[in-house]
């Protein structure tokens, strides 16, 4: 039981510590509770269902940095970063959907998936 509590406390601390490294999610600028909750749910669903799109060729970090043909190590590094981003966006989207009634932000890199 103590081990589980320690792990849970570490995860909560890590989420809040990581929150300082990223910009706030777009829905946080809304003024009313209803708009914040709806915005958080929308943001979460987009990232949960669209997280895999971070693997598309135009979204990979090597393509964003101007390496259109993605030569050599850039391609390998970009694919690895794309896999990590896809996982982070999907898990972050699931967290937003699961906690949408509570308007507390879990920031995602690059403000999540942009459609």
C-alpha atoms as a PDB file:
ATOM      1  CA  UNK A   1       0.000   0.000   0.000  1.00  0.00           C
ATOM      2  CA  UNK A   2       2.799   2.422   0.886  1.00  0.00           C
ATOM      3  CA  UNK A   3       4.576   1.676  -2.382  1.00  0.00           C
ATOM      4  CA  UNK A   4       1.427   2.397  -4.392  1.00  0.00           C
ATOM      5  CA  UNK A   5       0.902   5.678  -2.546  1.00  0.00           C
ATOM      6  CA  UNK A   6       4.507   6.709  -3.185  1.00  0.00           C
ATOM      7  CA  UNK A   7       4.197   5.913  -6.886  1.00  0.00           C
ATOM      8  CA  UNK A   8       0.927   7.854  -7.153  1.00  0.00           C
ATOM      9  CA  UNK A   9       2.478  10.852  -5.386  1.00  0.00           C
ATOM     10  CA  UNK A  10       5.480  10.712  -7.724  1.00  0.00           C
ATOM     11  CA  UNK A  11       3.234  10.615 -10.818  1.00  0.00           C
ATOM     12  CA  UNK A  12       1.189  13.591  -9.610  1.00  0.00           C
ATOM     13  CA  UNK A  13       4.361  15.536  -8.828  1.00  0.00           C
ATOM     14  CA  UNK A  14       5.853  14.658 -12.220  1.00  0.00           C
ATOM     15  CA  UNK A  15       2.714  15.826 -14.050  1.00  0.00           C
ATOM     16  CA  UNK A  16       2.688  19.160 -12.250  1.00  0.00           C
ATOM     17  CA  UNK A  17       6.452  19.609 -12.664  1.00  0.00           C
ATOM     18  CA  UNK A  18       6.191  18.856 -16.367  1.00  0.00           C
ATOM     19  CA  UNK A  19       3.400  21.402 -16.597  1.00  0.00           C
ATOM     20  CA  UNK A  20       5.870  24.191 -16.003  1.00  0.00           C
ATOM     21  CA  UNK A  21       7.877  23.139 -19.074  1.00  0.00           C
ATOM     22  CA  UNK A  22       5.016  23.531 -21.565  1.00  0.00           C
ATOM     23  CA  UNK A  23       2.636  26.315 -22.475  1.00  0.00           C
ATOM     24  CA  UNK A  24      -0.932  26.180 -21.215  1.00  0.00           C
ATOM     25  CA  UNK A  25      -3.494  24.335 -23.322  1.00  0.00           C
ATOM     26  CA  UNK A  26      -5.713  26.475 -25.572  1.00  0.00           C
ATOM     27  CA  UNK A  27      -8.908  25.828 -23.594  1.00  0.00           C
ATOM     28  CA  UNK A  28      -7.481  27.454 -20.435  1.00  0.00           C
ATOM     29  CA  UNK A  29      -8.188  30.942 -21.811  1.00  0.00           C
ATOM     30  CA  UNK A  30     -11.956  30.407 -21.674  1.00  0.00           C
ATOM     31  CA  UNK A  31     -13.804  32.485 -19.090  1.00  0.00           C
ATOM     32  CA  UNK A  32     -16.642  30.269 -17.838  1.00  0.00           C
ATOM     33  CA  UNK A  33     -16.593  26.824 -16.268  1.00  0.00           C
ATOM     34  CA  UNK A  34     -18.853  25.380 -18.980  1.00  0.00           C
ATOM     35  CA  UNK A  35     -16.627  26.647 -21.798  1.00  0.00           C
ATOM     36  CA  UNK A  36     -13.492  25.387 -20.042  1.00  0.00           C
ATOM     37  CA  UNK A  37     -14.983  21.920 -19.523  1.00  0.00           C
ATOM     38  CA  UNK A  38     -16.224  21.731 -23.125  1.00  0.00           C
ATOM     39  CA  UNK A  39     -12.875  22.987 -24.429  1.00  0.00           C
ATOM     40  CA  UNK A  40     -10.951  20.490 -22.305  1.00  0.00           C
ATOM     41  CA  UNK A  41     -13.125  17.604 -23.521  1.00  0.00           C
ATOM     42  CA  UNK A  42     -12.733  18.703 -27.157  1.00  0.00           C
ATOM     43  CA  UNK A  43      -8.955  19.097 -26.744  1.00  0.00           C
ATOM     44  CA  UNK A  44      -8.733  15.683 -25.072  1.00  0.00           C
ATOM     45  CA  UNK A  45     -10.741  13.862 -27.737  1.00  0.00           C
ATOM     46  CA  UNK A  46      -8.669  15.449 -30.525  1.00  0.00           C
ATOM     47  CA  UNK A  47      -5.424  14.327 -28.899  1.00  0.00           C
ATOM     48  CA  UNK A  48      -6.708  10.905 -27.852  1.00  0.00           C
ATOM     49  CA  UNK A  49      -7.973  10.023 -31.330  1.00  0.00           C
ATOM     50  CA  UNK A  50      -5.439  12.043 -33.333  1.00  0.00           C
ATOM     51  CA  UNK A  51      -2.235  11.381 -31.410  1.00  0.00           C
ATOM     52  CA  UNK A  52      -1.085   8.906 -34.035  1.00  0.00           C
ATOM     53  CA  UNK A  53      -0.966  11.708 -36.620  1.00  0.00           C
ATOM     54  CA  UNK A  54       2.347  12.839 -35.063  1.00  0.00           C
ATOM     55  CA  UNK A  55       3.825  10.008 -37.146  1.00  0.00           C
ATOM     56  CA  UNK A  56       2.732  11.495 -40.482  1.00  0.00           C
ATOM     57  CA  UNK A  57       5.673  12.605 -42.636  1.00  0.00           C
ATOM     58  CA  UNK A  58       4.852  16.322 -42.504  1.00  0.00           C
ATOM     59  CA  UNK A  59       4.562  16.282 -38.707  1.00  0.00           C
ATOM     60  CA  UNK A  60       7.848  14.534 -37.901  1.00  0.00           C
ATOM     61  CA  UNK A  61      10.462  16.805 -36.295  1.00  0.00           C
ATOM     62  CA  UNK A  62      12.932  16.306 -39.173  1.00  0.00           C
ATOM     63  CA  UNK A  63      10.342  17.618 -41.655  1.00  0.00           C
ATOM     64  CA  UNK A  64       9.585  20.607 -39.397  1.00  0.00           C
ATOM     65  CA  UNK A  65      13.283  21.516 -39.300  1.00  0.00           C
ATOM     66  CA  UNK A  66      13.582  21.770 -43.085  1.00  0.00           C
ATOM     67  CA  UNK A  67      14.993  18.320 -43.908  1.00  0.00           C
ATOM     68  CA  UNK A  68      12.437  17.461 -46.566  1.00  0.00           C
ATOM     69  CA  UNK A  69      14.055  14.156 -47.545  1.00  0.00           C
ATOM     70  CA  UNK A  70      14.955  13.347 -43.957  1.00  0.00           C
ATOM     71  CA  UNK A  71      18.452  11.948 -44.657  1.00  0.00           C
ATOM     72  CA  UNK A  72      20.344   9.541 -42.418  1.00  0.00           C
ATOM     73  CA  UNK A  73      20.256  10.011 -38.670  1.00  0.00           C
ATOM     74  CA  UNK A  74      17.744  12.827 -38.926  1.00  0.00           C
ATOM     75  CA  UNK A  75      15.163  10.324 -40.150  1.00  0.00           C
ATOM     76  CA  UNK A  76      15.855   7.870 -37.338  1.00  0.00           C
ATOM     77  CA  UNK A  77      15.831  10.611 -34.704  1.00  0.00           C
ATOM     78  CA  UNK A  78      12.677  12.150 -36.189  1.00  0.00           C
ATOM     79  CA  UNK A  79      10.861   8.824 -36.220  1.00  0.00           C
ATOM     80  CA  UNK A  80      11.798   8.203 -32.580  1.00  0.00           C
ATOM     81  CA  UNK A  81      10.611  11.679 -31.589  1.00  0.00           C
ATOM     82  CA  UNK A  82       7.422  11.132 -33.596  1.00  0.00           C
ATOM     83  CA  UNK A  83       6.737   7.884 -31.731  1.00  0.00           C
ATOM     84  CA  UNK A  84       7.265   9.616 -28.391  1.00  0.00           C
ATOM     85  CA  UNK A  85       5.078  12.570 -29.399  1.00  0.00           C
ATOM     86  CA  UNK A  86       2.319  10.235 -30.604  1.00  0.00           C
ATOM     87  CA  UNK A  87       2.352   8.375 -27.278  1.00  0.00           C
ATOM     88  CA  UNK A  88       2.430  11.608 -25.246  1.00  0.00           C
ATOM     89  CA  UNK A  89      -0.441  13.148 -27.224  1.00  0.00           C
ATOM     90  CA  UNK A  90      -2.563  10.004 -26.914  1.00  0.00           C
ATOM     91  CA  UNK A  91      -1.964   9.560 -23.175  1.00  0.00           C
ATOM     92  CA  UNK A  92      -2.391  13.301 -22.583  1.00  0.00           C
ATOM     93  CA  UNK A  93      -5.661  13.224 -24.514  1.00  0.00           C
ATOM     94  CA  UNK A  94      -6.866  10.312 -22.397  1.00  0.00           C
ATOM     95  CA  UNK A  95      -6.004  12.276 -19.238  1.00  0.00           C
ATOM     96  CA  UNK A  96      -7.912  15.309 -20.520  1.00  0.00           C
ATOM     97  CA  UNK A  97     -10.968  13.195 -21.371  1.00  0.00           C
ATOM     98  CA  UNK A  98     -10.893  11.346 -18.051  1.00  0.00           C
ATOM     99  CA  UNK A  99     -10.593  14.562 -16.020  1.00  0.00           C
ATOM    100  CA  UNK A 100     -12.614  16.979 -18.149  1.00  0.00           C
ATOM    101  CA  UNK A 101     -15.042  17.991 -15.341  1.00  0.00           C
ATOM    102  CA  UNK A 102     -12.045  19.329 -13.387  1.00  0.00           C
ATOM    103  CA  UNK A 103     -10.569  22.310 -15.280  1.00  0.00           C
ATOM    104  CA  UNK A 104      -6.943  21.631 -14.311  1.00  0.00           C
ATOM    105  CA  UNK A 105      -4.525  21.658 -17.223  1.00  0.00           C
ATOM    106  CA  UNK A 106      -2.171  18.851 -18.202  1.00  0.00           C
ATOM    107  CA  UNK A 107      -0.023  20.678 -20.787  1.00  0.00           C
ATOM    108  CA  UNK A 108       1.126  18.829 -23.888  1.00  0.00           C
ATOM    109  CA  UNK A 109       4.159  19.609 -26.068  1.00  0.00           C
ATOM    110  CA  UNK A 110       3.411  22.094 -28.859  1.00  0.00           C
ATOM    111  CA  UNK A 111      -0.123  22.513 -27.432  1.00  0.00           C
ATOM    112  CA  UNK A 112      -1.096  19.025 -28.596  1.00  0.00           C
ATOM    113  CA  UNK A 113      -2.369  18.039 -32.015  1.00  0.00           C
ATOM    114  CA  UNK A 114      -3.469  20.970 -34.163  1.00  0.00           C
ATOM    115  CA  UNK A 115      -6.073  20.233 -36.847  1.00  0.00           C
END
